[in-house]
Amino acid sequence: MLQNAVTEIEFNKGYVAYKTNKYTDAMEWLTRAVNKGHEEAKTVMSMVKAKLATAAYKNGLK
């Protein structure tokens, strides 16, 4: 579920557009897991943030 949600992130004209609500659901689950100290969730969250930052940079967002 999480991998699908992460790959569905799109950047269009500087705004983040979500194809489905899967991303939001996954991020809510991921945030709860991180808050509970789940190590794997922390790693995935770092990857998601890096992916978002890279895509934002490529689209001219600072």
Protein backbone atom coordinates (compact mmCIF):
# COMPACT_ATOMS: atom_id res chain seq x y z
CA MET A 1 0.00 0.00 0.00
CA LEU A 2 2.67 2.47 1.02
CA GLN A 3 4.88 1.95 -2.03
CA ASN A 4 1.92 2.50 -4.36
CA ALA A 5 1.01 5.70 -2.56
CA VAL A 6 4.53 7.06 -2.74
CA THR A 7 4.80 6.41 -6.47
CA GLU A 8 1.49 8.18 -7.10
CA ILE A 9 2.86 11.57 -6.02
CA GLU A 10 2.83 13.99 -8.93
CA PHE A 11 4.04 17.57 -9.20
CA ASN A 12 2.14 19.83 -11.55
CA LYS A 13 2.83 23.56 -11.97
CA GLY A 14 4.49 23.75 -8.56
CA TYR A 15 1.60 22.21 -6.64
CA VAL A 16 1.45 18.72 -5.22
CA ALA A 17 -1.42 16.81 -6.81
CA TYR A 18 -2.56 13.46 -5.47
CA LYS A 19 -4.16 10.96 -7.83
CA THR A 20 -5.97 9.21 -4.99
CA ASN A 21 -6.43 9.43 -1.24
CA LYS A 22 -4.06 6.48 -0.80
CA TYR A 23 -1.15 8.87 -0.25
CA THR A 24 -2.94 10.69 2.56
CA ASP A 25 -3.99 7.42 4.20
CA ALA A 26 -0.48 6.03 3.95
CA MET A 27 1.06 9.18 5.40
CA GLU A 28 -1.35 9.11 8.34
CA TRP A 29 -0.42 5.48 9.04
CA LEU A 30 3.27 6.25 8.57
CA THR A 31 3.16 9.26 10.91
CA ARG A 32 1.49 7.19 13.64
CA ALA A 33 4.10 4.45 13.22
CA VAL A 34 6.97 6.98 13.40
CA ASN A 35 5.46 8.52 16.53
CA LYS A 36 5.39 5.06 18.13
CA GLY A 37 9.11 4.63 17.38
CA HIS A 38 8.78 2.11 14.55
CA GLU A 39 12.26 2.00 12.97
CA GLU A 40 11.19 0.82 9.51
CA ALA A 41 8.56 3.56 9.38
CA LYS A 42 11.22 6.17 10.18
CA THR A 43 13.29 4.93 7.23
CA VAL A 44 10.31 5.03 4.87
CA MET A 45 9.35 8.52 6.08
CA SER A 46 12.87 9.74 5.30
CA MET A 47 12.60 8.27 1.81
CA VAL A 48 9.23 9.93 1.23
CA LYS A 49 10.53 13.31 2.37
CA ALA A 50 13.59 12.95 0.13
CA LYS A 51 11.40 12.05 -2.83
CA LEU A 52 9.15 15.07 -2.20
CA ALA A 53 12.13 17.42 -1.84
CA THR A 54 13.74 16.13 -5.04
CA ALA A 55 10.54 16.49 -7.04
CA ALA A 56 9.93 19.97 -5.64
CA TYR A 57 13.47 21.04 -6.55
CA LYS A 58 13.10 19.67 -10.09
CA ASN A 59 9.90 21.68 -10.46
CA GLY A 60 11.57 24.93 -9.41
CA LEU A 61 10.24 25.11 -5.85
CA LYS A 62 12.64 26.29 -3.18
